[in-house]
C-alpha cells in the first residue's frame, strides 16, 4: 500500500498512458487548491509534492505531509486546512470523500 504520483507537466497530461498504469486501487484526489508558485490558487492543479502531502494528510499521516512540504515554499496545508480536515474525517472511502468535496464546492465555500 502506498501513494504514487504521475510526475509530468500539466500541459503534457494528455500524453500520459493512464490505461497502462497498474494500481490495485487507483484514485484521484478530491477538490484541493494549489499553493505552488506556478498554479497558486487554481483548483486541482497540485504539483507532485502537494499531491503526496494531501494523500498523506487525508490517510492519517499529517506529520508526513508536513515533512514532504518543508522544503517547498507556499502554504498548501494552511490554504487547504478546512478541506483536508473534512476529507480526513470523512468515513466511507473515496466516494464519500469526493461527495464531501463536491458539497463543499457546491455551497460556494471559500478557502
PDB file of N, CA and C in Angstrom:
ATOM      1  N   UNK A   1       0.833  -1.184   0.000  1.00  0.00           N
ATOM      2  CA  UNK A   1       0.000   0.000   0.000  1.00  0.00           C
ATOM      3  C   UNK A   1       0.871   1.238   0.000  1.00  0.00           C
ATOM      4  N   UNK A   2       0.389   2.265  -0.633  1.00  0.00           N
ATOM      5  CA  UNK A   2       1.150   3.493  -0.666  1.00  0.00           C
ATOM      6  C   UNK A   2       0.526   4.509  -1.592  1.00  0.00           C
ATOM      7  N   UNK A   3       1.248   5.569  -1.804  1.00  0.00           N
ATOM      8  CA  UNK A   3       0.805   6.645  -2.679  1.00  0.00           C
ATOM      9  C   UNK A   3       1.772   6.778  -3.835  1.00  0.00           C
ATOM     10  N   UNK A   4       1.252   7.189  -4.966  1.00  0.00           N
ATOM     11  CA  UNK A   4       2.097   7.434  -6.134  1.00  0.00           C
ATOM     12  C   UNK A   4       1.554   8.645  -6.873  1.00  0.00           C
ATOM     13  N   UNK A   5       2.426   9.316  -7.588  1.00  0.00           N
ATOM     14  CA  UNK A   5       2.024  10.454  -8.408  1.00  0.00           C
ATOM     15  C   UNK A   5       2.588  10.278  -9.810  1.00  0.00           C
ATOM     16  N   UNK A   6       1.979  10.937 -10.756  1.00  0.00           N
ATOM     17  CA  UNK A   6       2.495  10.989 -12.121  1.00  0.00           C
ATOM     18  C   UNK A   6       3.222  12.322 -12.234  1.00  0.00           C
ATOM     19  N   UNK A   7       4.522  12.249 -12.425  1.00  0.00           N
ATOM     20  CA  UNK A   7       5.347  13.457 -12.491  1.00  0.00           C
ATOM     21  C   UNK A   7       5.462  13.919 -13.937  1.00  0.00           C
ATOM     22  N   UNK A   8       4.625  14.894 -14.288  1.00  0.00           N
ATOM     23  CA  UNK A   8       4.658  15.443 -15.641  1.00  0.00           C
ATOM     24  C   UNK A   8       4.079  16.851 -15.603  1.00  0.00           C
ATOM     25  N   UNK A   9       4.313  17.574 -16.647  1.00  0.00           N
ATOM     26  CA  UNK A   9       3.746  18.902 -16.778  1.00  0.00           C
ATOM     27  C   UNK A   9       2.240  18.784 -17.018  1.00  0.00           C
ATOM     28  N   UNK A  10       1.472  19.730 -16.468  1.00  0.00           N
ATOM     29  CA  UNK A  10       0.037  19.725 -16.732  1.00  0.00           C
ATOM     30  C   UNK A  10      -0.230  19.835 -18.237  1.00  0.00           C
ATOM     31  N   UNK A  11       0.656  20.503 -18.964  1.00  0.00           N
ATOM     32  CA  UNK A  11       0.495  20.649 -20.415  1.00  0.00           C
ATOM     33  C   UNK A  11       0.679  19.326 -21.145  1.00  0.00           C
ATOM     34  N   UNK A  12       1.340  18.368 -20.521  1.00  0.00           N
ATOM     35  CA  UNK A  12       1.607  17.063 -21.148  1.00  0.00           C
ATOM     36  C   UNK A  12       0.697  15.952 -20.617  1.00  0.00           C
ATOM     37  N   UNK A  13      -0.252  16.276 -19.766  1.00  0.00           N
ATOM     38  CA  UNK A  13      -1.078  15.266 -19.109  1.00  0.00           C
ATOM     39  C   UNK A  13      -1.818  14.358 -20.089  1.00  0.00           C
ATOM     40  N   UNK A  14      -2.252  14.891 -21.220  1.00  0.00           N
ATOM     41  CA  UNK A  14      -2.985  14.086 -22.199  1.00  0.00           C
ATOM     42  C   UNK A  14      -2.125  12.978 -22.796  1.00  0.00           C
ATOM     43  N   UNK A  15      -0.813  13.096 -22.688  1.00  0.00           N
ATOM     44  CA  UNK A  15       0.084  12.098 -23.256  1.00  0.00           C
ATOM     45  C   UNK A  15       0.415  10.957 -22.289  1.00  0.00           C
ATOM     46  N   UNK A  16      -0.039  11.055 -21.043  1.00  0.00           N
ATOM     47  CA  UNK A  16       0.246  10.017 -20.051  1.00  0.00           C
ATOM     48  C   UNK A  16      -0.655   8.813 -20.324  1.00  0.00           C
ATOM     49  N   UNK A  17      -0.074   7.626 -20.472  1.00  0.00           N
ATOM     50  CA  UNK A  17      -0.872   6.420 -20.763  1.00  0.00           C
ATOM     51  C   UNK A  17      -1.484   5.838 -19.475  1.00  0.00           C
ATOM     52  N   UNK A  18      -2.492   6.503 -18.937  1.00  0.00           N
ATOM     53  CA  UNK A  18      -3.088   6.073 -17.679  1.00  0.00           C
ATOM     54  C   UNK A  18      -3.614   4.641 -17.743  1.00  0.00           C
ATOM     55  N   UNK A  19      -4.058   4.201 -18.894  1.00  0.00           N
ATOM     56  CA  UNK A  19      -4.588   2.839 -19.014  1.00  0.00           C
ATOM     57  C   UNK A  19      -3.508   1.786 -18.791  1.00  0.00           C
ATOM     58  N   UNK A  20      -2.253   2.159 -18.919  1.00  0.00           N
ATOM     59  CA  UNK A  20      -1.152   1.213 -18.723  1.00  0.00           C
ATOM     60  C   UNK A  20      -0.596   1.233 -17.302  1.00  0.00           C
ATOM     61  N   UNK A  21      -1.067   2.160 -16.499  1.00  0.00           N
ATOM     62  CA  UNK A  21      -0.594   2.248 -15.117  1.00  0.00           C
ATOM     63  C   UNK A  21      -1.397   1.267 -14.281  1.00  0.00           C
ATOM     64  N   UNK A  22      -0.708   0.321 -13.688  1.00  0.00           N
ATOM     65  CA  UNK A  22      -1.372  -0.705 -12.885  1.00  0.00           C
ATOM     66  C   UNK A  22      -1.407  -0.257 -11.427  1.00  0.00           C
ATOM     67  N   UNK A  23      -2.598  -0.283 -10.864  1.00  0.00           N
ATOM     68  CA  UNK A  23      -2.780   0.064  -9.459  1.00  0.00           C
ATOM     69  C   UNK A  23      -3.941  -0.748  -8.903  1.00  0.00           C
ATOM     70  N   UNK A  24      -3.759  -1.259  -7.712  1.00  0.00           N
ATOM     71  CA  UNK A  24      -4.817  -2.056  -7.087  1.00  0.00           C
ATOM     72  C   UNK A  24      -6.049  -1.205  -6.783  1.00  0.00           C
ATOM     73  N   UNK A  25      -5.825   0.038  -6.407  1.00  0.00           N
ATOM     74  CA  UNK A  25      -6.926   0.937  -6.055  1.00  0.00           C
ATOM     75  C   UNK A  25      -6.646   2.331  -6.607  1.00  0.00           C
ATOM     76  N   UNK A  26      -6.773   2.522  -7.914  1.00  0.00           N
ATOM     77  CA  UNK A  26      -6.480   3.851  -8.471  1.00  0.00           C
ATOM     78  C   UNK A  26      -7.529   4.870  -8.026  1.00  0.00           C
ATOM     79  N   UNK A  27      -7.062   5.979  -7.532  1.00  0.00           N
ATOM     80  CA  UNK A  27      -7.962   7.033  -7.074  1.00  0.00           C
ATOM     81  C   UNK A  27      -7.352   8.372  -7.395  1.00  0.00           C
ATOM     82  N   UNK A  28      -8.181   9.354  -7.497  1.00  0.00           N
ATOM     83  CA  UNK A  28      -7.733  10.727  -7.685  1.00  0.00           C
ATOM     84  C   UNK A  28      -8.024  11.496  -6.410  1.00  0.00           C
ATOM     85  N   UNK A  29      -7.300  12.549  -6.196  1.00  0.00           N
ATOM     86  CA  UNK A  29      -7.546  13.378  -5.021  1.00  0.00           C
ATOM     87  C   UNK A  29      -8.833  14.179  -5.188  1.00  0.00           C
ATOM     88  N   UNK A  30      -9.505  14.458  -4.075  1.00  0.00           N
ATOM     89  CA  UNK A  30     -10.697  15.318  -4.139  1.00  0.00           C
ATOM     90  C   UNK A  30     -10.282  16.774  -4.340  1.00  0.00           C
ATOM     91  N   UNK A  31     -11.252  17.655  -4.349  1.00  0.00           N
ATOM     92  CA  UNK A  31     -11.030  19.077  -4.605  1.00  0.00           C
ATOM     93  C   UNK A  31     -10.047  19.673  -3.603  1.00  0.00           C
ATOM     94  N   UNK A  32      -8.971  20.258  -4.125  1.00  0.00           N
ATOM     95  CA  UNK A  32      -7.984  20.993  -3.338  1.00  0.00           C
ATOM     96  C   UNK A  32      -7.437  22.117  -4.206  1.00  0.00           C
ATOM     97  N   UNK A  33      -6.834  23.103  -3.590  1.00  0.00           N
ATOM     98  CA  UNK A  33      -6.319  24.263  -4.312  1.00  0.00           C
ATOM     99  C   UNK A  33      -4.795  24.288  -4.220  1.00  0.00           C
ATOM    100  N   UNK A  34      -4.151  24.549  -5.336  1.00  0.00           N
ATOM    101  CA  UNK A  34      -2.695  24.585  -5.390  1.00  0.00           C
ATOM    102  C   UNK A  34      -2.143  25.788  -4.631  1.00  0.00           C
ATOM    103  N   UNK A  35      -0.972  25.579  -4.032  1.00  0.00           N
ATOM    104  CA  UNK A  35      -0.268  26.671  -3.355  1.00  0.00           C
ATOM    105  C   UNK A  35       1.119  26.868  -3.952  1.00  0.00           C
ATOM    106  N   UNK A  36       1.416  26.129  -5.010  1.00  0.00           N
ATOM    107  CA  UNK A  36       2.736  26.250  -5.645  1.00  0.00           C
ATOM    108  C   UNK A  36       2.805  27.533  -6.463  1.00  0.00           C
ATOM    109  N   UNK A  37       4.026  27.979  -6.739  1.00  0.00           N
ATOM    110  CA  UNK A  37       4.208  29.267  -7.407  1.00  0.00           C
ATOM    111  C   UNK A  37       3.674  29.296  -8.838  1.00  0.00           C
ATOM    112  N   UNK A  38       3.605  28.161  -9.495  1.00  0.00           N
ATOM    113  CA  UNK A  38       3.120  28.108 -10.871  1.00  0.00           C
ATOM    114  C   UNK A  38       1.600  28.183 -10.956  1.00  0.00           C
ATOM    115  N   UNK A  39       0.906  27.496 -10.052  1.00  0.00           N
ATOM    116  CA  UNK A  39      -0.555  27.391 -10.143  1.00  0.00           C
ATOM    117  C   UNK A  39      -1.275  27.872  -8.889  1.00  0.00           C
ATOM    118  N   UNK A  40      -0.689  28.801  -8.172  1.00  0.00           N
ATOM    119  CA  UNK A  40      -1.269  29.247  -6.900  1.00  0.00           C
ATOM    120  C   UNK A  40      -2.738  29.640  -7.055  1.00  0.00           C
ATOM    121  N   UNK A  41      -3.565  29.077  -6.174  1.00  0.00           N
ATOM    122  CA  UNK A  41      -4.981  29.414  -6.145  1.00  0.00           C
ATOM    123  C   UNK A  41      -5.841  28.675  -7.146  1.00  0.00           C
ATOM    124  N   UNK A  42      -5.235  27.888  -8.011  1.00  0.00           N
ATOM    125  CA  UNK A  42      -6.002  27.156  -9.016  1.00  0.00           C
ATOM    126  C   UNK A  42      -6.457  25.818  -8.439  1.00  0.00           C
ATOM    127  N   UNK A  43      -7.743  25.520  -8.580  1.00  0.00           N
ATOM    128  CA  UNK A  43      -8.222  24.230  -8.081  1.00  0.00           C
ATOM    129  C   UNK A  43      -7.667  23.068  -8.912  1.00  0.00           C
ATOM    130  N   UNK A  44      -7.305  22.003  -8.209  1.00  0.00           N
ATOM    131  CA  UNK A  44      -6.897  20.739  -8.827  1.00  0.00           C
ATOM    132  C   UNK A  44      -5.653  20.861  -9.709  1.00  0.00           C
ATOM    133  N   UNK A  45      -4.775  21.811  -9.430  1.00  0.00           N
ATOM    134  CA  UNK A  45      -3.529  21.968 -10.194  1.00  0.00           C
ATOM    135  C   UNK A  45      -2.328  21.801  -9.274  1.00  0.00           C
ATOM    136  N   UNK A  46      -2.376  20.750  -8.471  1.00  0.00           N
ATOM    137  CA  UNK A  46      -1.327  20.500  -7.494  1.00  0.00           C
ATOM    138  C   UNK A  46      -0.051  20.020  -8.167  1.00  0.00           C
ATOM    139  N   UNK A  47       1.072  20.326  -7.543  1.00  0.00           N
ATOM    140  CA  UNK A  47       2.306  19.714  -8.008  1.00  0.00           C
ATOM    141  C   UNK A  47       2.449  18.370  -7.288  1.00  0.00           C
ATOM    142  N   UNK A  48       3.481  17.611  -7.615  1.00  0.00           N
ATOM    143  CA  UNK A  48       3.635  16.270  -7.042  1.00  0.00           C
ATOM    144  C   UNK A  48       3.784  16.300  -5.524  1.00  0.00           C
ATOM    145  N   UNK A  49       4.544  17.249  -5.011  1.00  0.00           N
ATOM    146  CA  UNK A  49       4.737  17.336  -3.559  1.00  0.00           C
ATOM    147  C   UNK A  49       3.409  17.630  -2.857  1.00  0.00           C
ATOM    148  N   UNK A  50       2.625  18.540  -3.413  1.00  0.00           N
ATOM    149  CA  UNK A  50       1.324  18.853  -2.814  1.00  0.00           C
ATOM    150  C   UNK A  50       0.403  17.640  -2.866  1.00  0.00           C
ATOM    151  N   UNK A  51       0.423  16.911  -3.967  1.00  0.00           N
ATOM    152  CA  UNK A  51      -0.433  15.730  -4.101  1.00  0.00           C
ATOM    153  C   UNK A  51      -0.041  14.656  -3.091  1.00  0.00           C
ATOM    154  N   UNK A  52       1.247  14.390  -2.954  1.00  0.00           N
ATOM    155  CA  UNK A  52       1.693  13.396  -1.966  1.00  0.00           C
ATOM    156  C   UNK A  52       1.373  13.850  -0.544  1.00  0.00           C
ATOM    157  N   UNK A  53       1.560  15.124  -0.276  1.00  0.00           N
ATOM    158  CA  UNK A  53       1.243  15.649   1.051  1.00  0.00           C
ATOM    159  C   UNK A  53      -0.257  15.530   1.332  1.00  0.00           C
ATOM    160  N   UNK A  54      -1.083  15.854   0.356  1.00  0.00           N
ATOM    161  CA  UNK A  54      -2.536  15.749   0.535  1.00  0.00           C
ATOM    162  C   UNK A  54      -2.943  14.307   0.807  1.00  0.00           C
ATOM    163  N   UNK A  55      -2.434  13.391   0.008  1.00  0.00           N
ATOM    164  CA  UNK A  55      -2.752  11.982   0.214  1.00  0.00           C
ATOM    165  C   UNK A  55      -2.310  11.494   1.579  1.00  0.00           C
ATOM    166  N   UNK A  56      -1.143  11.928   2.011  1.00  0.00           N
ATOM    167  CA  UNK A  56      -0.641  11.549   3.334  1.00  0.00           C
ATOM    168  C   UNK A  56      -1.536  12.106   4.433  1.00  0.00           C
ATOM    169  N   UNK A  57      -1.898  13.371   4.325  1.00  0.00           N
ATOM    170  CA  UNK A  57      -2.741  14.014   5.335  1.00  0.00           C
ATOM    171  C   UNK A  57      -4.107  13.328   5.424  1.00  0.00           C
ATOM    172  N   UNK A  58      -4.726  13.118   4.272  1.00  0.00           N
ATOM    173  CA  UNK A  58      -6.076  12.540   4.232  1.00  0.00           C
ATOM    174  C   UNK A  58      -6.098  11.126   4.800  1.00  0.00           C
ATOM    175  N   UNK A  59      -5.019  10.387   4.601  1.00  0.00           N
ATOM    176  CA  UNK A  59      -4.979   8.999   5.083  1.00  0.00           C
ATOM    177  C   UNK A  59      -4.431   8.872   6.501  1.00  0.00           C
ATOM    178  N   UNK A  60      -4.286  10.007   7.186  1.00  0.00           N
ATOM    179  CA  UNK A  60      -3.945   9.950   8.599  1.00  0.00           C
ATOM    180  C   UNK A  60      -2.486  10.155   8.949  1.00  0.00           C
ATOM    181  N   UNK A  61      -1.722  10.731   8.034  1.00  0.00           N
ATOM    182  CA  UNK A  61      -0.308  10.968   8.282  1.00  0.00           C
ATOM    183  C   UNK A  61       0.051  12.445   8.084  1.00  0.00           C
ATOM    184  N   UNK A  62      -0.518  13.328   8.914  1.00  0.00           N
ATOM    185  CA  UNK A  62      -0.240  14.757   8.742  1.00  0.00           C
ATOM    186  C   UNK A  62       1.231  15.111   8.931  1.00  0.00           C
ATOM    187  N   UNK A  63       1.929  14.371   9.799  1.00  0.00           N
ATOM    188  CA  UNK A  63       3.351  14.658  10.011  1.00  0.00           C
ATOM    189  C   UNK A  63       4.167  14.343   8.771  1.00  0.00           C
ATOM    190  N   UNK A  64       3.748  13.343   8.003  1.00  0.00           N
ATOM    191  CA  UNK A  64       4.416  13.024   6.736  1.00  0.00           C
ATOM    192  C   UNK A  64       4.142  14.142   5.731  1.00  0.00           C
ATOM    193  N   UNK A  65       2.909  14.631   5.711  1.00  0.00           N
ATOM    194  CA  UNK A  65       2.553  15.738   4.814  1.00  0.00           C
ATOM    195  C   UNK A  65       3.423  16.957   5.090  1.00  0.00           C
ATOM    196  N   UNK A  66       3.586  17.278   6.357  1.00  0.00           N
ATOM    197  CA  UNK A  66       4.425  18.426   6.722  1.00  0.00           C
ATOM    198  C   UNK A  66       5.873  18.200   6.303  1.00  0.00           C
ATOM    199  N   UNK A  67       6.356  16.987   6.488  1.00  0.00           N
ATOM    200  CA  UNK A  67       7.734  16.654   6.117  1.00  0.00           C
ATOM    201  C   UNK A  67       7.956  16.782   4.612  1.00  0.00           C
ATOM    202  N   UNK A  68       6.992  16.324   3.830  1.00  0.00           N
ATOM    203  CA  UNK A  68       7.099  16.403   2.368  1.00  0.00           C
ATOM    204  C   UNK A  68       7.218  17.861   1.919  1.00  0.00           C
ATOM    205  N   UNK A  69       6.463  18.735   2.557  1.00  0.00           N
ATOM    206  CA  UNK A  69       6.381  20.132   2.110  1.00  0.00           C
ATOM    207  C   UNK A  69       7.390  21.066   2.760  1.00  0.00           C
ATOM    208  N   UNK A  70       8.169  20.583   3.712  1.00  0.00           N
ATOM    209  CA  UNK A  70       9.029  21.503   4.451  1.00  0.00           C
ATOM    210  C   UNK A  70      10.092  22.194   3.599  1.00  0.00           C
ATOM    211  N   UNK A  71      10.481  21.607   2.487  1.00  0.00           N
ATOM    212  CA  UNK A  71      11.497  22.263   1.648  1.00  0.00           C
ATOM    213  C   UNK A  71      10.883  23.057   0.490  1.00  0.00           C
ATOM    214  N   UNK A  72       9.546  23.191   0.488  1.00  0.00           N
ATOM    215  CA  UNK A  72       8.866  23.932  -0.575  1.00  0.00           C
ATOM    216  C   UNK A  72       8.288  25.228  -0.023  1.00  0.00           C
ATOM    217  N   UNK A  73       8.322  26.256  -0.845  1.00  0.00           N
ATOM    218  CA  UNK A  73       7.659  27.496  -0.480  1.00  0.00           C
ATOM    219  C   UNK A  73       6.161  27.304  -0.687  1.00  0.00           C
ATOM    220  N   UNK A  74       5.399  28.088   0.000  1.00  0.00           N
ATOM    221  CA  UNK A  74       3.953  28.023  -0.150  1.00  0.00           C
ATOM    222  C   UNK A  74       3.298  27.620   1.149  1.00  0.00           C
ATOM    223  N   UNK A  75       2.000  27.645   1.156  1.00  0.00           N
ATOM    224  CA  UNK A  75       1.225  27.363   2.360  1.00  0.00           C
ATOM    225  C   UNK A  75       0.113  26.364   2.065  1.00  0.00           C
ATOM    226  N   UNK A  76       0.449  25.296   1.377  1.00  0.00           N
ATOM    227  CA  UNK A  76      -0.546  24.333   0.924  1.00  0.00           C
ATOM    228  C   UNK A  76      -1.422  23.807   2.060  1.00  0.00           C
ATOM    229  N   UNK A  77      -0.816  23.347   3.137  1.00  0.00           N
ATOM    230  CA  UNK A  77      -1.608  22.767   4.229  1.00  0.00           C
ATOM    231  C   UNK A  77      -2.509  23.813   4.874  1.00  0.00           C
ATOM    232  N   UNK A  78      -2.013  25.018   5.028  1.00  0.00           N
ATOM    233  CA  UNK A  78      -2.829  26.085   5.614  1.00  0.00           C
ATOM    234  C   UNK A  78      -3.947  26.508   4.660  1.00  0.00           C
ATOM    235  N   UNK A  79      -3.614  26.645   3.400  1.00  0.00           N
ATOM    236  CA  UNK A  79      -4.595  27.064   2.393  1.00  0.00           C
ATOM    237  C   UNK A  79      -5.754  26.077   2.293  1.00  0.00           C
ATOM    238  N   UNK A  80      -5.445  24.789   2.436  1.00  0.00           N
ATOM    239  CA  UNK A  80      -6.451  23.736   2.284  1.00  0.00           C
ATOM    240  C   UNK A  80      -6.861  23.098   3.611  1.00  0.00           C
ATOM    241  N   UNK A  81      -6.552  23.741   4.722  1.00  0.00           N
ATOM    242  CA  UNK A  81      -6.778  23.147   6.041  1.00  0.00           C
ATOM    243  C   UNK A  81      -8.209  22.663   6.241  1.00  0.00           C
ATOM    244  N   UNK A  82      -9.170  23.491   5.895  1.00  0.00           N
ATOM    245  CA  UNK A  82     -10.577  23.124   6.107  1.00  0.00           C
ATOM    246  C   UNK A  82     -10.953  21.880   5.293  1.00  0.00           C
ATOM    247  N   UNK A  83     -10.549  21.861   4.043  1.00  0.00           N
ATOM    248  CA  UNK A  83     -10.860  20.705   3.193  1.00  0.00           C
ATOM    249  C   UNK A  83     -10.095  19.456   3.629  1.00  0.00           C
ATOM    250  N   UNK A  84      -8.818  19.606   3.932  1.00  0.00           N
ATOM    251  CA  UNK A  84      -8.029  18.441   4.353  1.00  0.00           C
ATOM    252  C   UNK A  84      -8.603  17.833   5.629  1.00  0.00           C
ATOM    253  N   UNK A  85      -8.998  18.671   6.578  1.00  0.00           N
ATOM    254  CA  UNK A  85      -9.619  18.159   7.802  1.00  0.00           C
ATOM    255  C   UNK A  85     -10.938  17.459   7.486  1.00  0.00           C
ATOM    256  N   UNK A  86     -11.737  18.052   6.611  1.00  0.00           N
ATOM    257  CA  UNK A  86     -13.003  17.446   6.205  1.00  0.00           C
ATOM    258  C   UNK A  86     -12.766  16.073   5.589  1.00  0.00           C
ATOM    259  N   UNK A  87     -11.833  15.988   4.659  1.00  0.00           N
ATOM    260  CA  UNK A  87     -11.553  14.720   3.988  1.00  0.00           C
ATOM    261  C   UNK A  87     -11.001  13.683   4.959  1.00  0.00           C
ATOM    262  N   UNK A  88     -10.117  14.104   5.853  1.00  0.00           N
ATOM    263  CA  UNK A  88      -9.513  13.173   6.810  1.00  0.00           C
ATOM    264  C   UNK A  88     -10.562  12.597   7.769  1.00  0.00           C
ATOM    265  N   UNK A  89     -11.589  13.384   8.064  1.00  0.00           N
ATOM    266  CA  UNK A  89     -12.627  12.956   8.999  1.00  0.00           C
ATOM    267  C   UNK A  89     -13.760  12.186   8.331  1.00  0.00           C
ATOM    268  N   UNK A  90     -13.824  12.196   7.001  1.00  0.00           N
ATOM    269  CA  UNK A  90     -14.913  11.551   6.278  1.00  0.00           C
ATOM    270  C   UNK A  90     -14.683  10.049   6.220  1.00  0.00           C
ATOM    271  N   UNK A  91     -15.692   9.289   6.614  1.00  0.00           N
ATOM    272  CA  UNK A  91     -15.619   7.830   6.547  1.00  0.00           C
ATOM    273  C   UNK A  91     -16.431   7.351   5.356  1.00  0.00           C
ATOM    274  N   UNK A  92     -16.073   6.207   4.821  1.00  0.00           N
ATOM    275  CA  UNK A  92     -16.845   5.636   3.733  1.00  0.00           C
ATOM    276  C   UNK A  92     -16.083   5.526   2.428  1.00  0.00           C
ATOM    277  N   UNK A  93     -14.797   5.800   2.450  1.00  0.00           N
ATOM    278  CA  UNK A  93     -13.989   5.605   1.255  1.00  0.00           C
ATOM    279  C   UNK A  93     -13.969   6.804   0.330  1.00  0.00           C
ATOM    280  N   UNK A  94     -13.398   6.570  -0.848  1.00  0.00           N
ATOM    281  CA  UNK A  94     -13.150   7.675  -1.780  1.00  0.00           C
ATOM    282  C   UNK A  94     -14.430   8.320  -2.292  1.00  0.00           C
ATOM    283  N   UNK A  95     -15.505   7.547  -2.457  1.00  0.00           N
ATOM    284  CA  UNK A  95     -16.765   8.126  -2.937  1.00  0.00           C
ATOM    285  C   UNK A  95     -17.323   9.123  -1.919  1.00  0.00           C
ATOM    286  N   UNK A  96     -17.230   8.796  -0.642  1.00  0.00           N
ATOM    287  CA  UNK A  96     -17.720   9.691   0.408  1.00  0.00           C
ATOM    288  C   UNK A  96     -16.869  10.951   0.487  1.00  0.00           C
ATOM    289  N   UNK A  97     -15.564  10.807   0.321  1.00  0.00           N
ATOM    290  CA  UNK A  97     -14.668  11.961   0.348  1.00  0.00           C
ATOM    291  C   UNK A  97     -14.969  12.870  -0.837  1.00  0.00           C
ATOM    292  N   UNK A  98     -15.144  12.284  -2.030  1.00  0.00           N
ATOM    293  CA  UNK A  98     -15.473  13.078  -3.209  1.00  0.00           C
ATOM    294  C   UNK A  98     -16.798  13.806  -3.009  1.00  0.00           C
ATOM    295  N   UNK A  99     -17.790  13.124  -2.456  1.00  0.00           N
ATOM    296  CA  UNK A  99     -19.099  13.743  -2.217  1.00  0.00           C
ATOM    297  C   UNK A  99     -18.977  14.911  -1.237  1.00  0.00           C
ATOM    298  N   UNK A 100     -18.163  14.749  -0.210  1.00  0.00           N
ATOM    299  CA  UNK A 100     -17.956  15.833   0.758  1.00  0.00           C
ATOM    300  C   UNK A 100     -17.340  17.047   0.071  1.00  0.00           C
ATOM    301  N   UNK A 101     -16.358  16.821  -0.772  1.00  0.00           N
ATOM    302  CA  UNK A 101     -15.731  17.909  -1.523  1.00  0.00           C
ATOM    303  C   UNK A 101     -16.695  18.561  -2.490  1.00  0.00           C
ATOM    304  N   UNK A 102     -17.494  17.747  -3.166  1.00  0.00           N
ATOM    305  CA  UNK A 102     -18.483  18.284  -4.111  1.00  0.00           C
ATOM    306  C   UNK A 102     -19.506  19.164  -3.395  1.00  0.00           C
ATOM    307  N   UNK A 103     -19.947  18.738  -2.199  1.00  0.00           N
ATOM    308  CA  UNK A 103     -20.883  19.548  -1.416  1.00  0.00           C
ATOM    309  C   UNK A 103     -20.237  20.874  -1.026  1.00  0.00           C
ATOM    310  N   UNK A 104     -18.983  20.799  -0.624  1.00  0.00           N
ATOM    311  CA  UNK A 104     -18.244  21.994  -0.211  1.00  0.00           C
ATOM    312  C   UNK A 104     -18.161  22.984  -1.369  1.00  0.00           C
ATOM    313  N   UNK A 105     -17.844  22.497  -2.541  1.00  0.00           N
ATOM    314  CA  UNK A 105     -17.734  23.359  -3.727  1.00  0.00           C
ATOM    315  C   UNK A 105     -19.101  23.896  -4.115  1.00  0.00           C
ATOM    316  N   UNK A 106     -20.139  23.050  -4.091  1.00  0.00           N
ATOM    317  CA  UNK A 106     -21.490  23.462  -4.480  1.00  0.00           C
ATOM    318  C   UNK A 106     -22.036  24.554  -3.568  1.00  0.00           C
ATOM    319  N   UNK A 107     -21.640  24.518  -2.305  1.00  0.00           N
ATOM    320  CA  UNK A 107     -22.117  25.522  -1.356  1.00  0.00           C
ATOM    321  C   UNK A 107     -21.379  26.841  -1.513  1.00  0.00           C
ATOM    322  N   UNK A 108     -20.383  26.843  -2.396  1.00  0.00           N
ATOM    323  CA  UNK A 108     -19.651  28.072  -2.670  1.00  0.00           C
ATOM    324  C   UNK A 108     -18.743  28.513  -1.541  1.00  0.00           C
ATOM    325  N   UNK A 109     -18.334  27.563  -0.729  1.00  0.00           N
ATOM    326  CA  UNK A 109     -17.456  27.905   0.387  1.00  0.00           C
ATOM    327  C   UNK A 109     -16.101  28.303  -0.166  1.00  0.00           C
ATOM    328  N   UNK A 110     -15.426  29.168   0.537  1.00  0.00           N
ATOM    329  CA  UNK A 110     -14.129  29.650   0.082  1.00  0.00           C
ATOM    330  C   UNK A 110     -13.054  29.251   1.060  1.00  0.00           C
ATOM    331  N   UNK A 111     -11.847  29.088   0.526  1.00  0.00           N
ATOM    332  CA  UNK A 111     -10.703  28.778   1.384  1.00  0.00           C
ATOM    333  C   UNK A 111     -10.257  30.040   2.085  1.00  0.00           C
TER     334      UNK A 111
END
